[in-house]
Amino acid sequence: MQLETTLSDELARYLDLSTRQIQITAANMANIDTPGYRTVGMDFEAEMAAALANDGQDEVEPKVEEVGGLVVRPDGNNVSMDREGMQMAEAQLKFRTGVALMRREYTRIFDAIHAGK
C-alpha cells in the first residue's frame, strides 16, 4: 500500500527546489569577493511549473542562469549582498512553508490510518 500522495510528491519537489535556491544564493554570497564572478539564479516559479507538468516523470535538474541587469563592480563581480540577502530570506520562507505543508500532509495521513483502527 502506497501512502505517499501526489501532493506529497509535489511538496517534495517544492522542497527540493527551495533547497536548490538556497544553495544557489549561498554560492553567490560566498563569491562576493571573487573577481569576475557573476550572480546566478533560478526561476523558481518556472521550475516548479515544469516539475508539475512533468507529472512524476524523470526529475530534471533546474536551469541555473546568470542574472542580467545587475551593476558590475570594477573587478567584474556583480554580487549584491542586499539582493542575495533578500533572495535567501525568500528561499528560506519557501522552504519553511513547504516543511509546514508536508508536516500537515503526513499528519493527515497518520490520522487517517489511526482512525481506521
N, C-alpha and C. Protein backbone atom coordinates (compact mmCIF):
# COMPACT_ATOMS: atom_id res chain seq x y z
N MET A 1 0.83 -1.18 0.00
CA MET A 1 0.00 0.00 0.00
C MET A 1 0.88 1.25 0.00
N GLN A 2 0.64 2.13 -0.94
CA GLN A 2 1.44 3.33 -1.05
C GLN A 2 0.76 4.47 -0.31
N LEU A 3 1.46 5.03 0.68
CA LEU A 3 0.89 6.10 1.48
C LEU A 3 1.18 7.48 0.91
N GLU A 4 2.22 7.56 0.09
CA GLU A 4 2.54 8.86 -0.48
C GLU A 4 1.47 9.27 -1.47
N THR A 5 1.20 10.55 -1.49
CA THR A 5 0.18 11.07 -2.38
C THR A 5 0.83 11.96 -3.43
N THR A 6 0.04 12.32 -4.41
CA THR A 6 0.53 13.26 -5.41
C THR A 6 0.95 14.56 -4.74
N LEU A 7 0.17 14.99 -3.75
CA LEU A 7 0.51 16.20 -3.02
C LEU A 7 1.87 16.06 -2.34
N SER A 8 2.14 14.91 -1.76
CA SER A 8 3.44 14.67 -1.12
C SER A 8 4.56 14.77 -2.13
N ASP A 9 4.36 14.20 -3.31
CA ASP A 9 5.37 14.27 -4.36
C ASP A 9 5.61 15.71 -4.78
N GLU A 10 4.54 16.47 -4.92
CA GLU A 10 4.66 17.87 -5.32
C GLU A 10 5.36 18.68 -4.23
N LEU A 11 5.02 18.41 -2.98
CA LEU A 11 5.67 19.11 -1.87
C LEU A 11 7.15 18.75 -1.79
N ALA A 12 7.47 17.50 -2.05
CA ALA A 12 8.88 17.08 -2.04
C ALA A 12 9.66 17.83 -3.12
N ARG A 13 9.07 17.97 -4.28
CA ARG A 13 9.74 18.71 -5.37
C ARG A 13 9.86 20.18 -4.99
N TYR A 14 8.84 20.73 -4.35
CA TYR A 14 8.87 22.11 -3.87
C TYR A 14 10.03 22.30 -2.89
N LEU A 15 10.19 21.35 -1.97
CA LEU A 15 11.29 21.42 -1.01
C LEU A 15 12.64 21.28 -1.71
N ASP A 16 12.72 20.39 -2.69
CA ASP A 16 13.97 20.23 -3.45
C ASP A 16 14.35 21.54 -4.13
N LEU A 17 13.38 22.17 -4.78
CA LEU A 17 13.66 23.42 -5.48
C LEU A 17 14.00 24.54 -4.50
N SER A 18 13.33 24.58 -3.36
CA SER A 18 13.64 25.58 -2.34
C SER A 18 15.07 25.40 -1.83
N THR A 19 15.45 24.16 -1.60
CA THR A 19 16.81 23.85 -1.16
C THR A 19 17.82 24.28 -2.21
N ARG A 20 17.52 24.00 -3.47
CA ARG A 20 18.43 24.38 -4.56
C ARG A 20 18.57 25.90 -4.63
N GLN A 21 17.47 26.61 -4.42
CA GLN A 21 17.52 28.07 -4.44
C GLN A 21 18.39 28.60 -3.30
N ILE A 22 18.30 27.97 -2.14
CA ILE A 22 19.15 28.35 -1.00
C ILE A 22 20.62 28.11 -1.33
N GLN A 23 20.92 26.97 -1.95
CA GLN A 23 22.30 26.65 -2.32
C GLN A 23 22.86 27.65 -3.33
N ILE A 24 22.05 28.01 -4.31
CA ILE A 24 22.48 28.97 -5.33
C ILE A 24 22.78 30.32 -4.69
N THR A 25 21.89 30.76 -3.81
CA THR A 25 22.07 32.05 -3.14
C THR A 25 23.30 32.02 -2.25
N ALA A 26 23.50 30.93 -1.53
CA ALA A 26 24.68 30.80 -0.67
C ALA A 26 25.96 30.85 -1.49
N ALA A 27 25.95 30.23 -2.66
CA ALA A 27 27.12 30.26 -3.54
C ALA A 27 27.39 31.69 -4.02
N ASN A 28 26.34 32.41 -4.36
CA ASN A 28 26.51 33.81 -4.76
C ASN A 28 27.13 34.61 -3.62
N MET A 29 26.61 34.42 -2.41
CA MET A 29 27.13 35.16 -1.25
C MET A 29 28.59 34.81 -0.99
N ALA A 30 28.92 33.55 -1.14
CA ALA A 30 30.29 33.10 -0.88
C ALA A 30 31.28 33.69 -1.89
N ASN A 31 30.78 34.07 -3.04
CA ASN A 31 31.65 34.59 -4.11
C ASN A 31 31.59 36.11 -4.23
N ILE A 32 31.14 36.79 -3.20
CA ILE A 32 31.01 38.25 -3.29
C ILE A 32 32.34 38.95 -3.55
N ASP A 33 33.44 38.36 -3.12
CA ASP A 33 34.76 38.97 -3.32
C ASP A 33 35.57 38.30 -4.42
N THR A 34 34.95 37.42 -5.20
CA THR A 34 35.66 36.73 -6.28
C THR A 34 35.63 37.59 -7.54
N PRO A 35 36.78 38.08 -7.98
CA PRO A 35 36.80 38.91 -9.18
C PRO A 35 36.20 38.17 -10.38
N GLY A 36 35.35 38.86 -11.11
CA GLY A 36 34.76 38.29 -12.32
C GLY A 36 33.56 37.40 -12.10
N TYR A 37 33.24 37.09 -10.84
CA TYR A 37 32.10 36.21 -10.58
C TYR A 37 30.81 36.93 -10.92
N ARG A 38 29.91 36.21 -11.56
CA ARG A 38 28.61 36.76 -11.93
C ARG A 38 27.51 36.03 -11.18
N THR A 39 26.55 36.78 -10.69
CA THR A 39 25.41 36.24 -9.95
C THR A 39 24.61 35.29 -10.83
N VAL A 40 24.28 34.14 -10.27
CA VAL A 40 23.42 33.19 -10.98
C VAL A 40 22.12 33.03 -10.19
N GLY A 41 21.11 32.55 -10.88
CA GLY A 41 19.82 32.37 -10.23
C GLY A 41 18.99 31.33 -10.94
N MET A 42 17.85 31.04 -10.35
CA MET A 42 16.92 30.05 -10.87
C MET A 42 15.53 30.66 -10.82
N ASP A 43 14.75 30.48 -11.86
CA ASP A 43 13.36 30.95 -11.88
C ASP A 43 12.52 29.89 -11.17
N PHE A 44 12.31 30.10 -9.87
CA PHE A 44 11.64 29.11 -9.03
C PHE A 44 10.26 28.75 -9.57
N GLU A 45 9.49 29.76 -9.91
CA GLU A 45 8.12 29.52 -10.37
C GLU A 45 8.11 28.71 -11.67
N ALA A 46 8.99 29.06 -12.60
CA ALA A 46 9.05 28.32 -13.87
C ALA A 46 9.50 26.88 -13.63
N GLU A 47 10.46 26.69 -12.74
CA GLU A 47 10.95 25.34 -12.45
C GLU A 47 9.87 24.51 -11.75
N MET A 48 9.11 25.13 -10.86
CA MET A 48 8.03 24.41 -10.18
C MET A 48 6.94 24.05 -11.17
N ALA A 49 6.61 24.97 -12.08
CA ALA A 49 5.60 24.68 -13.11
C ALA A 49 6.06 23.54 -14.00
N ALA A 50 7.34 23.53 -14.35
CA ALA A 50 7.88 22.44 -15.17
C ALA A 50 7.83 21.11 -14.42
N ALA A 51 8.12 21.15 -13.13
CA ALA A 51 8.08 19.93 -12.32
C ALA A 51 6.66 19.39 -12.23
N LEU A 52 5.69 20.29 -12.08
CA LEU A 52 4.29 19.86 -12.02
C LEU A 52 3.82 19.31 -13.36
N ALA A 53 4.27 19.92 -14.43
CA ALA A 53 3.89 19.46 -15.77
C ALA A 53 4.55 18.12 -16.09
N ASN A 54 5.71 17.87 -15.47
CA ASN A 54 6.45 16.63 -15.69
C ASN A 54 5.69 15.43 -15.14
N ASP A 55 4.79 15.66 -14.19
CA ASP A 55 3.87 14.64 -13.67
C ASP A 55 4.59 13.39 -13.17
N GLY A 56 5.64 13.61 -12.35
CA GLY A 56 6.31 12.48 -11.73
C GLY A 56 7.27 11.71 -12.62
N GLN A 57 7.50 12.21 -13.81
CA GLN A 57 8.46 11.56 -14.70
C GLN A 57 9.87 11.83 -14.16
N ASP A 58 10.86 11.60 -14.99
CA ASP A 58 12.24 11.82 -14.57
C ASP A 58 12.42 13.24 -14.03
N GLU A 59 13.14 13.33 -12.90
CA GLU A 59 13.43 14.64 -12.35
C GLU A 59 14.43 15.35 -13.25
N VAL A 60 14.16 16.60 -13.49
CA VAL A 60 15.03 17.41 -14.33
C VAL A 60 15.77 18.40 -13.44
N GLU A 61 17.06 18.52 -13.65
CA GLU A 61 17.85 19.47 -12.87
C GLU A 61 17.40 20.89 -13.23
N PRO A 62 17.15 21.73 -12.23
CA PRO A 62 16.70 23.09 -12.51
C PRO A 62 17.73 23.88 -13.32
N LYS A 63 17.23 24.76 -14.16
CA LYS A 63 18.10 25.58 -15.00
C LYS A 63 18.61 26.76 -14.18
N VAL A 64 19.93 26.86 -14.08
CA VAL A 64 20.57 27.95 -13.36
C VAL A 64 21.28 28.81 -14.39
N GLU A 65 20.94 30.10 -14.38
CA GLU A 65 21.50 31.00 -15.38
C GLU A 65 22.01 32.28 -14.73
N GLU A 66 22.90 32.95 -15.45
CA GLU A 66 23.39 34.24 -14.98
C GLU A 66 22.24 35.23 -14.92
N VAL A 67 22.22 36.02 -13.85
CA VAL A 67 21.19 37.03 -13.67
C VAL A 67 21.65 38.31 -14.37
N GLY A 68 20.86 38.79 -15.28
CA GLY A 68 21.21 40.00 -16.01
C GLY A 68 20.73 41.26 -15.32
N GLY A 69 21.24 42.39 -15.80
CA GLY A 69 20.76 43.68 -15.33
C GLY A 69 21.29 44.13 -13.98
N LEU A 70 22.33 43.47 -13.48
CA LEU A 70 22.89 43.87 -12.19
C LEU A 70 24.10 44.77 -12.41
N VAL A 71 24.38 45.62 -11.44
CA VAL A 71 25.52 46.53 -11.52
C VAL A 71 26.81 45.73 -11.35
N VAL A 72 27.74 45.94 -12.29
CA VAL A 72 29.02 45.24 -12.24
C VAL A 72 30.06 46.17 -11.63
N ARG A 73 30.76 45.67 -10.63
CA ARG A 73 31.82 46.44 -9.98
C ARG A 73 33.08 46.44 -10.86
N PRO A 74 34.04 47.30 -10.56
CA PRO A 74 35.27 47.35 -11.37
C PRO A 74 36.02 46.02 -11.47
N ASP A 75 35.86 45.14 -10.46
CA ASP A 75 36.55 43.85 -10.50
C ASP A 75 35.78 42.82 -11.34
N GLY A 76 34.66 43.23 -11.94
CA GLY A 76 33.88 42.33 -12.78
C GLY A 76 32.84 41.52 -12.04
N ASN A 77 32.78 41.65 -10.74
CA ASN A 77 31.81 40.92 -9.92
C ASN A 77 30.52 41.73 -9.83
N ASN A 78 29.38 41.04 -9.84
CA ASN A 78 28.11 41.77 -9.75
C ASN A 78 27.22 41.28 -8.60
N VAL A 79 27.81 40.61 -7.62
CA VAL A 79 27.02 40.11 -6.49
C VAL A 79 26.69 41.28 -5.56
N SER A 80 25.42 41.39 -5.20
CA SER A 80 24.96 42.39 -4.24
C SER A 80 24.50 41.65 -2.99
N MET A 81 25.13 41.94 -1.86
CA MET A 81 24.75 41.26 -0.62
C MET A 81 23.32 41.61 -0.23
N ASP A 82 22.88 42.82 -0.53
CA ASP A 82 21.49 43.19 -0.23
C ASP A 82 20.53 42.32 -1.03
N ARG A 83 20.78 42.18 -2.32
CA ARG A 83 19.92 41.36 -3.18
C ARG A 83 19.94 39.90 -2.72
N GLU A 84 21.13 39.39 -2.44
CA GLU A 84 21.25 37.99 -2.05
C GLU A 84 20.62 37.74 -0.69
N GLY A 85 20.70 38.71 0.21
CA GLY A 85 20.03 38.58 1.50
C GLY A 85 18.52 38.45 1.33
N MET A 86 17.97 39.25 0.42
CA MET A 86 16.53 39.16 0.14
C MET A 86 16.19 37.82 -0.52
N GLN A 87 17.04 37.37 -1.44
CA GLN A 87 16.83 36.08 -2.09
C GLN A 87 16.87 34.94 -1.07
N MET A 88 17.80 35.02 -0.12
CA MET A 88 17.93 33.99 0.90
C MET A 88 16.69 33.97 1.80
N ALA A 89 16.23 35.14 2.21
CA ALA A 89 15.04 35.21 3.06
C ALA A 89 13.84 34.61 2.34
N GLU A 90 13.69 34.93 1.07
CA GLU A 90 12.57 34.39 0.29
C GLU A 90 12.67 32.87 0.16
N ALA A 91 13.87 32.38 -0.13
CA ALA A 91 14.07 30.93 -0.29
C ALA A 91 13.81 30.20 1.03
N GLN A 92 14.27 30.76 2.13
CA GLN A 92 14.05 30.14 3.43
C GLN A 92 12.57 30.13 3.80
N LEU A 93 11.86 31.19 3.46
CA LEU A 93 10.42 31.23 3.71
C LEU A 93 9.71 30.16 2.90
N LYS A 94 10.10 30.00 1.65
CA LYS A 94 9.51 28.95 0.81
C LYS A 94 9.78 27.58 1.42
N PHE A 95 11.00 27.37 1.88
CA PHE A 95 11.35 26.08 2.45
C PHE A 95 10.53 25.80 3.72
N ARG A 96 10.47 26.78 4.61
CA ARG A 96 9.70 26.60 5.85
C ARG A 96 8.23 26.35 5.57
N THR A 97 7.69 27.04 4.57
CA THR A 97 6.30 26.82 4.18
C THR A 97 6.11 25.40 3.67
N GLY A 98 7.04 24.94 2.84
CA GLY A 98 6.97 23.57 2.32
C GLY A 98 7.03 22.53 3.43
N VAL A 99 7.91 22.75 4.41
CA VAL A 99 8.01 21.81 5.54
C VAL A 99 6.71 21.79 6.33
N ALA A 100 6.13 22.96 6.56
CA ALA A 100 4.86 23.02 7.31
C ALA A 100 3.75 22.29 6.55
N LEU A 101 3.69 22.48 5.24
CA LEU A 101 2.67 21.80 4.44
C LEU A 101 2.90 20.29 4.42
N MET A 102 4.16 19.88 4.32
CA MET A 102 4.49 18.46 4.33
C MET A 102 4.11 17.84 5.67
N ARG A 103 4.42 18.53 6.75
CA ARG A 103 4.06 18.05 8.09
C ARG A 103 2.54 17.87 8.19
N ARG A 104 1.81 18.84 7.69
CA ARG A 104 0.34 18.76 7.73
C ARG A 104 -0.16 17.57 6.90
N GLU A 105 0.44 17.35 5.75
CA GLU A 105 0.03 16.23 4.88
C GLU A 105 0.27 14.89 5.57
N TYR A 106 1.44 14.73 6.19
CA TYR A 106 1.73 13.46 6.86
C TYR A 106 0.91 13.29 8.14
N THR A 107 0.59 14.37 8.80
CA THR A 107 -0.31 14.28 9.96
C THR A 107 -1.68 13.81 9.53
N ARG A 108 -2.15 14.32 8.40
CA ARG A 108 -3.44 13.90 7.86
C ARG A 108 -3.44 12.41 7.54
N ILE A 109 -2.37 11.94 6.91
CA ILE A 109 -2.26 10.51 6.58
C ILE A 109 -2.20 9.68 7.87
N PHE A 110 -1.39 10.11 8.82
CA PHE A 110 -1.26 9.42 10.10
C PHE A 110 -2.61 9.33 10.80
N ASP A 111 -3.34 10.44 10.83
CA ASP A 111 -4.66 10.45 11.47
C ASP A 111 -5.63 9.51 10.76
N ALA A 112 -5.57 9.47 9.45
CA ALA A 112 -6.46 8.59 8.69
C ALA A 112 -6.16 7.12 8.99
N ILE A 113 -4.89 6.79 9.13
CA ILE A 113 -4.50 5.41 9.44
C ILE A 113 -5.01 5.03 10.82
N HIS A 114 -4.80 5.90 11.78
CA HIS A 114 -5.21 5.59 13.15
C HIS A 114 -6.72 5.64 13.36
N ALA A 115 -7.41 6.39 12.54
CA ALA A 115 -8.88 6.42 12.63
C ALA A 115 -9.48 5.12 12.14
N GLY A 116 -8.75 4.41 11.29
CA GLY A 116 -9.23 3.15 10.74
C GLY A 116 -9.03 1.96 11.65
N LYS A 117 -8.36 2.13 12.77
CA LYS A 117 -8.09 1.01 13.69
C LYS A 117 -9.24 0.80 14.64
